[in-house]
Amino acid sequence: MKVTYQSQNLPFRYPFTISKGTKTHQPSLIVTLDHRGITGLGEAPAITYYNITVEKMIEDLERKKKFVEQFAFMEPDRYWHYLHHLYPRNNFLVCALDIAAWDIYGKIRQQPLYKLWNLDMANAPLTDYTIGIDTIDKMVEKMKEKPWPIYKIKLGTPEDIAIVTALRKHTEAIFRVDANAGWTTEEALEKIPVLADLGVEMIEQPLAKDNWEGMKKLFAVSKVPLIADEACVVEQDVERCAGHFHGINIKLTKCSGITPALRMISKARSLNMKVMVGSMNESTVGSAAIAHLSPMLDYIDADGPLLLSEDIATGLTYEAGRVSVSEEFGLGIKLK
């Protein structure tokens, strides 16, 4: 195995604002694994509030690069376990390498990943398109510029209800809301019934990730499915979310890749929970991994390439919420 990498700083079409802050670019690490002439691509975006930078991923990779390359690759599960022990404190880096390993594995098996998992892309849910926090007029403008069947609306401001009310006047599309842990329990108890009346399909992470008592209260009364995001990072978090959330949003970067995500999906299903895989503003490289998993899911948020003004790869197409993957083997993507 040989590993190479590149650092990217991908510009957003609009400044991207959530309750935690604003950014104009998405830093990301792109890795390429070469196994006997077969190459695989993987990606891990850097997220400030998880204290993982591209520089940190590169530093960790360089420090143990020879061990990454010495592994006798046969299949992704074993490689993930090896990487997980090699980098126990850097799930982001493990994710990038794990996605690349699955890309290689699909090519070795001569199948697109979704076929490797016996999935039918006709069963994939539509992806949403995210409207970041802005002035109400600007959020309406962003929505009108991108006619789409499902919008994910970032909230966590004093104007939350006014925002959704204004957007609803201009479309009958499905709305999803992501508060990014921006509400108190009391605020959520007030806002959720109003948002339900405004046709909101589900709400992601209304409260702080450690506010389990508050979530138990919301879970008992909410008519809208509540989906864990910041409260569900790794496999061990899935069971804890049961009885507090109706479902989980798996982020490949946070959980450390496709391999643990498959186990998290299975665990959530055993607990009768809804399952989403969400975007962390990945390019087509990381978004392709989400797309191949999508027939297993209730919801997907794979709009990263749509939010960026520049992409670095080809292999996905988007039309009215439908994400189509290439029929080439593995992820079916190529760097530009």
Protein backbone atom coordinates (compact mmCIF):
# COMPACT_ATOMS: atom_id res chain seq x y z
CA MET A 1 0.00 0.00 0.00
CA LYS A 2 1.23 3.49 -0.82
CA VAL A 3 -0.45 6.65 0.50
CA THR A 4 -0.33 10.17 -0.90
CA TYR A 5 -2.40 13.18 0.07
CA GLN A 6 -3.31 16.75 -0.69
CA SER A 7 -4.70 19.61 1.34
CA GLN A 8 -7.68 21.45 -0.11
CA ASN A 9 -9.43 24.67 0.91
CA LEU A 10 -12.73 24.51 -0.94
CA PRO A 11 -14.67 27.78 -1.32
CA PHE A 12 -18.37 27.94 -0.49
CA ARG A 13 -20.86 29.44 -2.93
CA TYR A 14 -22.14 31.56 -0.01
CA PRO A 15 -20.56 32.10 3.43
CA PHE A 16 -21.77 29.09 5.42
CA THR A 17 -23.25 30.02 8.79
CA ILE A 18 -24.61 27.74 11.52
CA SER A 19 -25.22 28.43 15.20
CA LYS A 20 -21.51 27.72 15.89
CA GLY A 21 -20.10 30.31 13.45
CA THR A 22 -19.39 31.23 9.82
CA LYS A 23 -16.86 30.02 7.28
CA THR A 24 -16.15 30.91 3.66
CA HIS A 25 -14.04 27.84 2.80
CA GLN A 26 -14.02 24.17 3.78
CA PRO A 27 -10.53 22.82 4.53
CA SER A 28 -10.29 19.15 3.62
CA LEU A 29 -7.74 16.34 3.41
CA ILE A 30 -7.87 14.16 0.29
CA VAL A 31 -5.97 10.87 0.46
CA THR A 32 -5.07 8.45 -2.30
CA LEU A 33 -4.20 4.83 -1.53
CA ASP A 34 -2.45 2.72 -4.14
CA HIS A 35 -2.67 -1.06 -3.74
CA ARG A 36 -0.89 -2.99 -6.48
CA GLY A 37 -1.79 -0.38 -9.06
CA ILE A 38 -5.40 0.02 -7.92
CA THR A 39 -6.08 3.45 -6.43
CA GLY A 40 -8.72 4.57 -3.97
CA LEU A 41 -9.78 8.07 -2.91
CA GLY A 42 -10.92 9.26 0.51
CA GLU A 43 -11.73 12.56 2.19
CA ALA A 44 -11.97 14.08 5.64
CA PRO A 45 -13.08 17.70 6.04
CA ALA A 46 -11.58 19.60 8.98
CA ILE A 47 -14.09 20.86 11.56
CA THR A 48 -12.99 23.59 13.96
CA TYR A 49 -15.27 22.68 16.88
CA TYR A 50 -13.85 19.13 16.92
CA ASN A 51 -10.30 20.54 17.09
CA ILE A 52 -9.13 18.58 14.05
CA THR A 53 -7.32 20.52 11.35
CA VAL A 54 -5.92 19.35 8.03
CA GLU A 55 -2.46 20.07 9.42
CA LYS A 56 -3.15 17.75 12.37
CA MET A 57 -4.32 14.97 10.05
CA ILE A 58 -1.19 15.35 7.92
CA GLU A 59 1.06 15.41 10.99
CA ASP A 60 -0.49 12.20 12.33
CA LEU A 61 -0.37 10.52 8.93
CA GLU A 62 3.30 11.37 8.39
CA ARG A 63 4.23 10.19 11.86
CA LYS A 64 2.99 6.63 11.19
CA LYS A 65 2.89 6.60 7.41
CA LYS A 66 5.16 3.58 7.09
CA PHE A 67 2.73 1.53 9.20
CA VAL A 68 -0.23 2.65 7.09
CA GLU A 69 1.64 1.47 4.01
CA GLN A 70 2.92 -1.81 5.46
CA PHE A 71 -0.52 -3.32 6.04
CA ALA A 72 -1.29 -6.39 3.89
CA PHE A 73 -4.66 -5.20 2.55
CA MET A 74 -7.36 -7.78 1.91
CA GLU A 75 -10.63 -6.15 2.89
CA PRO A 76 -11.72 -2.88 4.53
CA ASP A 77 -12.94 -4.18 7.91
CA ARG A 78 -9.54 -5.50 8.91
CA TYR A 79 -7.83 -2.37 7.62
CA TRP A 80 -10.19 -0.13 9.60
CA HIS A 81 -9.46 -2.02 12.84
CA TYR A 82 -5.75 -1.66 12.18
CA LEU A 83 -6.07 2.07 11.46
CA HIS A 84 -8.35 2.59 14.47
CA HIS A 85 -5.64 1.22 16.77
CA LEU A 86 -2.96 3.15 14.89
CA TYR A 87 -4.82 6.46 15.25
CA PRO A 88 -7.16 6.10 18.25
CA ARG A 89 -7.53 9.88 18.64
CA ASN A 90 -7.99 10.90 15.02
CA ASN A 91 -11.24 9.52 13.61
CA PHE A 92 -11.10 12.09 10.81
CA LEU A 93 -7.87 10.69 9.36
CA VAL A 94 -9.09 7.12 9.78
CA CYS A 95 -12.24 8.07 7.87
CA ALA A 96 -10.32 9.35 4.86
CA LEU A 97 -8.21 6.19 4.73
CA ASP A 98 -11.22 3.91 5.28
CA ILE A 99 -13.20 5.50 2.42
CA ALA A 100 -10.18 5.08 0.13
CA ALA A 101 -9.88 1.44 1.20
CA TRP A 102 -13.53 0.79 0.30
CA ASP A 103 -12.95 2.45 -3.08
CA ILE A 104 -10.08 0.01 -3.69
CA TYR A 105 -12.13 -2.95 -2.48
CA GLY A 106 -14.97 -2.18 -4.87
CA LYS A 107 -12.47 -2.01 -7.71
CA ILE A 108 -10.91 -5.33 -6.68
CA ARG A 109 -14.38 -6.90 -6.59
CA GLN A 110 -15.28 -5.07 -9.81
CA GLN A 111 -18.49 -3.59 -8.48
CA PRO A 112 -19.79 -0.17 -7.43
CA LEU A 113 -20.00 -0.09 -3.64
CA TYR A 114 -23.79 -0.03 -3.53
CA LYS A 115 -23.90 -3.29 -5.53
CA LEU A 116 -21.26 -4.79 -3.25
CA TRP A 117 -23.75 -4.20 -0.42
CA ASN A 118 -26.67 -5.61 -2.47
CA LEU A 119 -28.45 -2.25 -2.58
CA ASP A 120 -30.71 -0.72 -5.21
CA MET A 121 -30.16 2.98 -5.89
CA ALA A 122 -33.85 3.25 -6.84
CA ASN A 123 -34.54 2.94 -3.10
CA ALA A 124 -32.30 5.87 -2.15
CA PRO A 125 -34.00 8.86 -0.48
CA LEU A 126 -33.61 12.33 -1.95
CA THR A 127 -30.93 14.59 -0.54
CA ASP A 128 -31.81 17.90 1.04
CA TYR A 129 -30.21 21.24 0.17
CA THR A 130 -28.96 23.33 3.09
CA ILE A 131 -29.87 26.97 3.67
CA GLY A 132 -27.32 28.47 6.06
CA ILE A 133 -28.22 31.14 8.61
CA ASP A 134 -28.41 34.63 7.13
CA THR A 135 -30.84 37.53 7.05
CA ILE A 136 -34.36 36.36 6.32
CA ASP A 137 -34.36 38.04 2.91
CA LYS A 138 -31.05 36.40 2.01
CA MET A 139 -32.25 32.97 3.12
CA VAL A 140 -35.35 33.37 0.95
CA GLU A 141 -33.13 34.43 -1.92
CA LYS A 142 -30.88 31.38 -1.51
CA MET A 143 -33.89 29.09 -1.52
CA LYS A 144 -35.40 30.67 -4.63
CA GLU A 145 -32.08 30.37 -6.45
CA LYS A 146 -32.07 26.62 -5.86
CA PRO A 147 -35.51 25.05 -6.46
CA TRP A 148 -35.31 21.76 -4.56
CA PRO A 149 -37.77 19.22 -3.10
CA ILE A 150 -36.23 19.22 0.40
CA TYR A 151 -34.52 22.05 2.27
CA LYS A 152 -32.48 21.74 5.43
CA ILE A 153 -32.70 25.04 7.29
CA LYS A 154 -30.01 25.99 9.77
CA LEU A 155 -31.46 27.59 12.90
CA GLY A 156 -30.39 28.57 16.38
CA THR A 157 -31.25 32.28 16.37
CA PRO A 158 -33.89 34.50 18.03
CA GLU A 159 -35.61 34.69 14.61
CA ASP A 160 -36.01 30.96 14.04
CA ILE A 161 -39.80 30.95 13.72
CA ALA A 162 -39.80 34.08 11.57
CA ILE A 163 -37.22 32.46 9.27
CA VAL A 164 -39.22 29.27 8.69
CA THR A 165 -42.48 31.23 8.36
CA ALA A 166 -40.95 33.45 5.68
CA LEU A 167 -39.46 30.50 3.78
CA ARG A 168 -42.72 28.58 3.92
CA LYS A 169 -44.51 31.43 2.10
CA HIS A 170 -42.41 30.72 -0.99
CA THR A 171 -42.45 26.92 -1.28
CA GLU A 172 -44.33 23.74 -0.45
CA ALA A 173 -41.07 21.77 -0.32
CA ILE A 174 -40.25 19.53 2.63
CA PHE A 175 -38.44 21.39 5.42
CA ARG A 176 -35.91 19.92 7.80
CA VAL A 177 -34.44 21.97 10.62
CA ASP A 178 -30.97 21.76 12.14
CA ALA A 179 -30.49 23.74 15.33
CA ASN A 180 -26.89 22.52 15.81
CA ALA A 181 -27.47 22.34 19.58
CA GLY A 182 -28.53 26.00 19.59
CA TRP A 183 -31.66 25.84 21.79
CA THR A 184 -32.37 25.54 25.48
CA THR A 185 -34.96 22.99 26.58
CA GLU A 186 -37.51 25.74 27.13
CA GLU A 187 -36.90 27.26 23.69
CA ALA A 188 -37.26 23.85 22.05
CA LEU A 189 -40.53 23.13 23.86
CA GLU A 190 -41.90 26.40 22.49
CA LYS A 191 -40.50 26.14 18.96
CA ILE A 192 -41.07 22.49 18.06
CA PRO A 193 -44.92 22.62 17.98
CA VAL A 194 -44.83 25.78 15.84
CA LEU A 195 -42.31 24.20 13.45
CA ALA A 196 -44.50 21.11 13.23
CA ASP A 197 -47.41 23.32 12.14
CA LEU A 198 -45.12 24.85 9.50
CA GLY A 199 -44.58 21.43 7.97
CA VAL A 200 -41.12 20.63 9.32
CA GLU A 201 -40.34 16.96 8.69
CA MET A 202 -37.66 16.47 11.35
CA ILE A 203 -35.34 18.39 13.65
CA GLU A 204 -31.64 17.72 14.16
CA GLN A 205 -29.91 18.20 17.51
CA PRO A 206 -32.16 20.78 19.16
CA LEU A 207 -30.20 20.83 22.45
CA ALA A 208 -26.60 20.70 23.64
CA LYS A 209 -25.05 17.28 23.12
CA ASP A 210 -24.89 16.57 26.86
CA ASN A 211 -28.42 17.75 27.70
CA TRP A 212 -29.87 14.25 28.04
CA GLU A 213 -32.55 15.24 30.55
CA GLY A 214 -33.80 17.93 28.23
CA MET A 215 -33.87 15.54 25.29
CA LYS A 216 -35.88 13.04 27.30
CA LYS A 217 -38.52 15.73 27.84
CA LEU A 218 -38.58 16.66 24.17
CA PHE A 219 -38.70 13.03 23.07
CA ALA A 220 -41.80 12.45 25.20
CA VAL A 221 -43.84 15.24 23.61
CA SER A 222 -42.44 16.01 20.14
CA LYS A 223 -44.67 15.26 17.16
CA VAL A 224 -41.64 15.78 14.91
CA PRO A 225 -38.82 13.18 14.77
CA LEU A 226 -35.75 14.40 16.65
CA ILE A 227 -32.44 13.30 15.16
CA ALA A 228 -29.15 13.15 17.08
CA ASP A 229 -26.10 14.72 15.46
CA GLU A 230 -23.58 16.17 17.91
CA ALA A 231 -24.88 13.68 20.51
CA CYS A 232 -24.11 10.71 18.22
CA VAL A 233 -20.49 10.69 17.14
CA VAL A 234 -19.26 7.09 17.41
CA GLU A 235 -20.75 3.61 17.62
CA GLN A 236 -21.08 3.62 21.40
CA ASP A 237 -23.37 6.66 21.21
CA VAL A 238 -26.14 4.96 19.22
CA GLU A 239 -27.67 3.00 22.09
CA ARG A 240 -27.45 5.99 24.42
CA CYS A 241 -29.53 8.04 21.98
CA ALA A 242 -32.42 5.57 22.09
CA GLY A 243 -35.22 6.98 24.23
CA HIS A 244 -33.87 10.50 23.76
CA PHE A 245 -33.96 10.81 19.96
CA HIS A 246 -36.07 9.19 17.26
CA GLY A 247 -33.06 8.69 15.04
CA ILE A 248 -29.39 9.40 14.45
CA ASN A 249 -27.39 11.38 11.89
CA ILE A 250 -24.15 9.55 11.15
CA LYS A 251 -21.24 11.67 9.97
CA LEU A 252 -18.61 9.49 8.31
CA THR A 253 -15.82 11.85 9.30
CA LYS A 254 -16.77 11.87 12.97
CA CYS A 255 -17.42 8.13 13.35
CA SER A 256 -14.23 7.26 11.37
CA GLY A 257 -15.55 6.02 8.06
CA ILE A 258 -17.82 3.69 6.14
CA THR A 259 -16.87 0.61 8.17
CA PRO A 260 -18.22 1.83 11.56
CA ALA A 261 -21.11 3.61 9.81
CA LEU A 262 -22.37 0.25 8.53
CA ARG A 263 -22.39 -1.07 12.09
CA MET A 264 -24.10 2.07 13.39
CA ILE A 265 -26.85 1.72 10.79
CA SER A 266 -27.42 -1.89 11.84
CA LYS A 267 -27.49 -0.99 15.53
CA ALA A 268 -29.92 1.89 15.02
CA ARG A 269 -32.25 -0.36 13.03
CA SER A 270 -32.22 -2.92 15.85
CA LEU A 271 -33.40 -0.10 18.16
CA ASN A 272 -36.16 0.97 15.72
CA MET A 273 -34.48 4.30 15.12
CA LYS A 274 -34.45 6.33 11.93
CA VAL A 275 -31.10 6.72 10.20
CA MET A 276 -29.54 9.60 8.32
CA VAL A 277 -26.04 10.07 6.96
CA GLY A 278 -25.11 13.71 6.84
CA SER A 279 -22.72 16.06 5.10
CA MET A 280 -19.79 17.89 6.61
CA ASN A 281 -19.44 19.89 3.40
CA GLU A 282 -17.42 17.21 1.65
CA SER A 283 -16.52 17.45 -2.01
CA THR A 284 -17.69 14.78 -4.43
CA VAL A 285 -15.07 12.43 -2.92
CA GLY A 286 -16.68 12.20 0.53
CA SER A 287 -20.21 12.76 -0.79
CA ALA A 288 -19.92 9.70 -3.05
CA ALA A 289 -19.49 7.53 0.03
CA ILE A 290 -22.77 8.93 1.42
CA ALA A 291 -24.51 8.37 -1.91
CA HIS A 292 -23.53 4.68 -2.10
CA LEU A 293 -24.87 4.12 1.44
CA SER A 294 -28.11 6.00 0.75
CA PRO A 295 -30.45 3.07 -0.08
CA MET A 296 -29.98 1.91 3.55
CA LEU A 297 -31.19 5.23 4.95
CA ASP A 298 -34.31 7.22 5.78
CA TYR A 299 -32.69 10.60 5.11
CA ILE A 300 -29.53 11.80 3.43
CA ASP A 301 -27.74 15.11 3.50
CA ALA A 302 -25.24 14.80 0.65
CA ASP A 303 -25.32 18.35 -0.65
CA GLY A 304 -21.67 19.26 -0.04
CA PRO A 305 -20.78 19.64 -3.75
CA LEU A 306 -23.86 21.85 -4.25
CA LEU A 307 -22.73 24.23 -1.49
CA LEU A 308 -19.21 24.61 -2.88
CA SER A 309 -18.34 26.98 -5.71
CA GLU A 310 -15.51 24.65 -6.76
CA ASP A 311 -15.33 20.86 -6.62
CA ILE A 312 -12.28 18.64 -7.05
CA ALA A 313 -13.78 15.43 -8.44
CA THR A 314 -16.36 14.02 -10.82
CA GLY A 315 -18.66 11.01 -10.53
CA LEU A 316 -21.89 12.28 -8.94
CA THR A 317 -24.85 13.99 -10.58
CA TYR A 318 -27.66 15.85 -8.83
CA GLU A 319 -31.15 16.41 -10.19
CA ALA A 320 -34.17 17.53 -8.14
CA GLY A 321 -32.83 15.88 -4.99
CA ARG A 322 -31.78 12.64 -6.67
CA VAL A 323 -28.08 11.80 -6.31
CA SER A 324 -26.86 9.46 -9.05
CA VAL A 325 -23.58 7.59 -8.77
CA SER A 326 -21.33 6.39 -11.56
CA GLU A 327 -21.56 2.72 -12.49
CA GLU A 328 -17.79 2.47 -12.43
CA PHE A 329 -16.27 0.25 -9.75
CA GLY A 330 -15.77 1.38 -6.17
CA LEU A 331 -16.90 4.94 -5.48
CA GLY A 332 -16.89 5.66 -9.21
CA ILE A 333 -15.16 9.02 -8.81
CA LYS A 334 -12.09 10.70 -10.29
CA LEU A 335 -10.12 13.77 -9.32
CA LYS A 336 -10.30 16.59 -11.84
